[in-house]
Amino acid sequence: DVLCLFGEFFAESVHKGGYLRMLQSMGDNLKEFVRNLNNMHHQLERSLRTAAFPSFKVSDADGPDGHFKLSYYSLRGALLTPVV
């Protein structure tokens, strides 16, 4: 599957490129990490001006269970549809 291969490539590139520490600093849990993705994308846009990064919106769900709703927006279409 192409998305799995890309995920493996991305994870290896992050590790070899020295970006692991940056990603680890983006939050202590998935919800915090996703909330910080837009900030990371805005920083990357400075050097990758032609890139079209997606944006994410995190909405809290009712209840103490930690669930949240994740909304994904992209000019490139629904790239993450099979993942979500």
N, C-alpha and C. Protein backbone atom coordinates (compact mmCIF):
# COMPACT_ATOMS: atom_id res chain seq x y z
N ASP A 1 0.84 -1.18 0.00
CA ASP A 1 0.00 0.00 0.00
C ASP A 1 0.89 1.25 0.00
N VAL A 2 0.58 2.19 -0.83
CA VAL A 2 1.41 3.37 -1.02
C VAL A 2 1.50 4.23 0.25
N LEU A 3 0.38 4.39 0.96
CA LEU A 3 0.40 5.21 2.17
C LEU A 3 1.27 4.59 3.26
N CYS A 4 1.27 3.27 3.37
CA CYS A 4 2.13 2.60 4.35
C CYS A 4 3.60 2.81 4.00
N LEU A 5 3.94 2.67 2.72
CA LEU A 5 5.31 2.90 2.28
C LEU A 5 5.74 4.34 2.54
N PHE A 6 4.84 5.28 2.26
CA PHE A 6 5.17 6.68 2.53
C PHE A 6 5.38 6.91 4.03
N GLY A 7 4.52 6.30 4.86
CA GLY A 7 4.67 6.42 6.30
C GLY A 7 6.01 5.91 6.79
N GLU A 8 6.45 4.78 6.26
CA GLU A 8 7.76 4.23 6.61
C GLU A 8 8.88 5.18 6.17
N PHE A 9 8.78 5.68 4.95
CA PHE A 9 9.77 6.62 4.43
C PHE A 9 9.80 7.89 5.29
N PHE A 10 8.63 8.42 5.63
CA PHE A 10 8.54 9.66 6.41
C PHE A 10 9.15 9.46 7.80
N ALA A 11 8.80 8.35 8.46
CA ALA A 11 9.33 8.09 9.80
C ALA A 11 10.85 7.97 9.77
N GLU A 12 11.38 7.29 8.78
CA GLU A 12 12.83 7.14 8.66
C GLU A 12 13.49 8.48 8.37
N SER A 13 12.89 9.28 7.50
CA SER A 13 13.43 10.60 7.16
C SER A 13 13.44 11.53 8.36
N VAL A 14 12.39 11.49 9.16
CA VAL A 14 12.31 12.32 10.36
C VAL A 14 13.43 11.94 11.32
N HIS A 15 13.62 10.65 11.49
CA HIS A 15 14.66 10.18 12.41
C HIS A 15 16.06 10.54 11.91
N LYS A 16 16.35 10.22 10.65
CA LYS A 16 17.67 10.50 10.08
C LYS A 16 17.94 11.99 9.92
N GLY A 17 16.89 12.77 9.69
CA GLY A 17 17.06 14.21 9.49
C GLY A 17 17.19 15.00 10.77
N GLY A 18 17.09 14.35 11.91
CA GLY A 18 17.23 15.03 13.18
C GLY A 18 15.98 15.77 13.63
N TYR A 19 14.83 15.41 13.10
CA TYR A 19 13.59 16.10 13.44
C TYR A 19 12.80 15.42 14.55
N LEU A 20 13.28 14.30 15.04
CA LEU A 20 12.56 13.55 16.05
C LEU A 20 12.34 14.38 17.32
N ARG A 21 13.35 15.09 17.75
CA ARG A 21 13.23 15.92 18.96
C ARG A 21 12.16 16.99 18.79
N MET A 22 12.11 17.60 17.60
CA MET A 22 11.09 18.62 17.33
C MET A 22 9.70 18.03 17.43
N LEU A 23 9.49 16.87 16.82
CA LEU A 23 8.18 16.23 16.86
C LEU A 23 7.81 15.83 18.29
N GLN A 24 8.78 15.38 19.06
CA GLN A 24 8.51 14.99 20.44
C GLN A 24 8.11 16.20 21.29
N SER A 25 8.57 17.38 20.92
CA SER A 25 8.25 18.58 21.69
C SER A 25 6.88 19.16 21.35
N MET A 26 6.19 18.58 20.40
CA MET A 26 4.92 19.13 19.95
C MET A 26 3.73 18.72 20.81
N GLY A 27 3.96 17.92 21.82
CA GLY A 27 2.87 17.56 22.72
C GLY A 27 3.14 16.25 23.44
N ASP A 28 2.48 16.11 24.57
CA ASP A 28 2.63 14.90 25.37
C ASP A 28 1.63 13.82 25.01
N ASN A 29 0.67 14.16 24.14
CA ASN A 29 -0.32 13.18 23.72
C ASN A 29 -0.76 13.52 22.30
N LEU A 30 -1.57 12.66 21.71
CA LEU A 30 -1.98 12.83 20.32
C LEU A 30 -2.75 14.13 20.12
N LYS A 31 -3.63 14.45 21.05
CA LYS A 31 -4.45 15.66 20.92
C LYS A 31 -3.57 16.92 20.89
N GLU A 32 -2.59 17.02 21.79
CA GLU A 32 -1.69 18.17 21.79
C GLU A 32 -0.86 18.20 20.51
N PHE A 33 -0.38 17.04 20.09
CA PHE A 33 0.43 16.96 18.87
C PHE A 33 -0.34 17.49 17.66
N VAL A 34 -1.58 17.01 17.50
CA VAL A 34 -2.37 17.44 16.35
C VAL A 34 -2.68 18.93 16.42
N ARG A 35 -2.93 19.44 17.63
CA ARG A 35 -3.19 20.88 17.78
C ARG A 35 -1.98 21.71 17.35
N ASN A 36 -0.79 21.17 17.46
CA ASN A 36 0.42 21.90 17.09
C ASN A 36 0.86 21.69 15.65
N LEU A 37 0.19 20.81 14.91
CA LEU A 37 0.57 20.57 13.52
C LEU A 37 0.48 21.82 12.65
N ASN A 38 -0.57 22.61 12.83
CA ASN A 38 -0.72 23.83 12.02
C ASN A 38 0.45 24.78 12.24
N ASN A 39 0.91 24.91 13.49
CA ASN A 39 2.06 25.78 13.77
C ASN A 39 3.30 25.27 13.07
N MET A 40 3.51 23.96 13.10
CA MET A 40 4.67 23.39 12.42
C MET A 40 4.57 23.64 10.91
N HIS A 41 3.38 23.46 10.34
CA HIS A 41 3.21 23.69 8.91
C HIS A 41 3.46 25.15 8.55
N HIS A 42 3.03 26.07 9.40
CA HIS A 42 3.29 27.50 9.12
C HIS A 42 4.79 27.79 9.11
N GLN A 43 5.53 27.14 10.01
CA GLN A 43 6.98 27.32 10.03
C GLN A 43 7.62 26.72 8.76
N LEU A 44 7.15 25.57 8.34
CA LEU A 44 7.70 24.93 7.14
C LEU A 44 7.38 25.73 5.87
N GLU A 45 6.25 26.42 5.86
CA GLU A 45 5.87 27.24 4.69
C GLU A 45 6.89 28.33 4.40
N ARG A 46 7.61 28.76 5.40
CA ARG A 46 8.64 29.80 5.21
C ARG A 46 9.74 29.34 4.25
N SER A 47 10.10 28.07 4.34
CA SER A 47 11.17 27.59 3.46
C SER A 47 10.65 26.77 2.29
N LEU A 48 9.44 26.26 2.39
CA LEU A 48 8.85 25.47 1.31
C LEU A 48 7.64 26.21 0.77
N ARG A 49 7.90 27.31 0.11
CA ARG A 49 6.84 28.25 -0.29
C ARG A 49 5.82 27.68 -1.28
N THR A 50 6.20 26.68 -2.05
CA THR A 50 5.25 26.13 -3.03
C THR A 50 4.46 24.95 -2.47
N ALA A 51 4.76 24.54 -1.25
CA ALA A 51 4.06 23.40 -0.64
C ALA A 51 2.64 23.80 -0.25
N ALA A 52 1.74 22.84 -0.31
CA ALA A 52 0.35 23.05 0.09
C ALA A 52 0.06 22.16 1.29
N PHE A 53 0.29 22.69 2.47
CA PHE A 53 0.11 21.91 3.69
C PHE A 53 -1.37 21.84 4.08
N PRO A 54 -1.78 20.72 4.65
CA PRO A 54 -3.15 20.63 5.16
C PRO A 54 -3.27 21.40 6.47
N SER A 55 -4.49 21.61 6.91
CA SER A 55 -4.71 22.19 8.23
C SER A 55 -5.65 21.28 9.00
N PHE A 56 -5.55 21.37 10.31
CA PHE A 56 -6.31 20.51 11.20
C PHE A 56 -7.04 21.35 12.24
N LYS A 57 -8.21 20.89 12.62
CA LYS A 57 -8.95 21.53 13.70
C LYS A 57 -9.33 20.44 14.70
N VAL A 58 -9.03 20.70 15.96
CA VAL A 58 -9.35 19.76 17.02
C VAL A 58 -10.48 20.34 17.84
N SER A 59 -11.56 19.59 17.96
CA SER A 59 -12.71 20.00 18.78
C SER A 59 -12.87 19.00 19.91
N ASP A 60 -13.01 19.52 21.12
CA ASP A 60 -13.20 18.64 22.27
C ASP A 60 -14.57 17.98 22.21
N ALA A 61 -14.59 16.72 22.55
CA ALA A 61 -15.85 15.99 22.66
C ALA A 61 -16.34 16.12 24.10
N ASP A 62 -17.60 15.91 24.28
CA ASP A 62 -18.14 15.93 25.64
C ASP A 62 -17.67 14.70 26.41
N GLY A 63 -17.39 14.89 27.67
CA GLY A 63 -17.03 13.76 28.52
C GLY A 63 -15.57 13.76 28.89
N PRO A 64 -15.25 13.05 29.96
CA PRO A 64 -13.89 13.02 30.50
C PRO A 64 -12.99 11.97 29.86
N ASP A 65 -13.45 11.29 28.82
CA ASP A 65 -12.70 10.17 28.26
C ASP A 65 -11.54 10.59 27.36
N GLY A 66 -11.41 11.88 27.07
CA GLY A 66 -10.30 12.36 26.26
C GLY A 66 -10.53 12.29 24.76
N HIS A 67 -11.71 11.88 24.34
CA HIS A 67 -12.01 11.84 22.91
C HIS A 67 -12.04 13.25 22.34
N PHE A 68 -11.70 13.35 21.07
CA PHE A 68 -11.79 14.63 20.38
C PHE A 68 -12.15 14.39 18.92
N LYS A 69 -12.68 15.42 18.29
CA LYS A 69 -13.02 15.36 16.87
C LYS A 69 -11.91 16.04 16.10
N LEU A 70 -11.42 15.39 15.07
CA LEU A 70 -10.35 15.93 14.23
C LEU A 70 -10.93 16.24 12.86
N SER A 71 -10.80 17.50 12.44
CA SER A 71 -11.23 17.91 11.10
C SER A 71 -9.99 18.20 10.27
N TYR A 72 -9.99 17.73 9.04
CA TYR A 72 -8.85 17.82 8.14
C TYR A 72 -9.25 18.63 6.92
N TYR A 73 -8.45 19.63 6.57
CA TYR A 73 -8.72 20.47 5.40
C TYR A 73 -7.48 20.50 4.52
N SER A 74 -7.68 20.35 3.22
CA SER A 74 -6.54 20.36 2.30
C SER A 74 -6.97 20.86 0.93
N LEU A 75 -6.11 21.66 0.33
CA LEU A 75 -6.33 22.11 -1.05
C LEU A 75 -6.07 20.97 -2.04
N ARG A 76 -5.36 19.94 -1.59
CA ARG A 76 -5.01 18.82 -2.46
C ARG A 76 -6.06 17.72 -2.44
N GLY A 77 -7.14 17.89 -1.74
CA GLY A 77 -8.17 16.87 -1.68
C GLY A 77 -8.03 16.01 -0.45
N ALA A 78 -8.76 14.94 -0.43
CA ALA A 78 -8.85 14.08 0.73
C ALA A 78 -7.74 13.03 0.74
N LEU A 79 -6.51 13.47 0.89
CA LEU A 79 -5.37 12.55 0.89
C LEU A 79 -5.43 11.57 2.05
N LEU A 80 -5.96 11.99 3.20
CA LEU A 80 -5.98 11.13 4.38
C LEU A 80 -7.26 10.31 4.51
N THR A 81 -8.13 10.33 3.53
CA THR A 81 -9.39 9.60 3.65
C THR A 81 -9.20 8.13 4.03
N PRO A 82 -8.25 7.40 3.41
CA PRO A 82 -8.10 6.00 3.81
C PRO A 82 -7.55 5.84 5.22
N VAL A 83 -6.90 6.84 5.75
CA VAL A 83 -6.26 6.74 7.06
C VAL A 83 -7.24 7.01 8.18
N VAL A 84 -8.14 7.98 7.96
CA VAL A 84 -9.03 8.43 9.02
C VAL A 84 -10.12 7.48 9.27
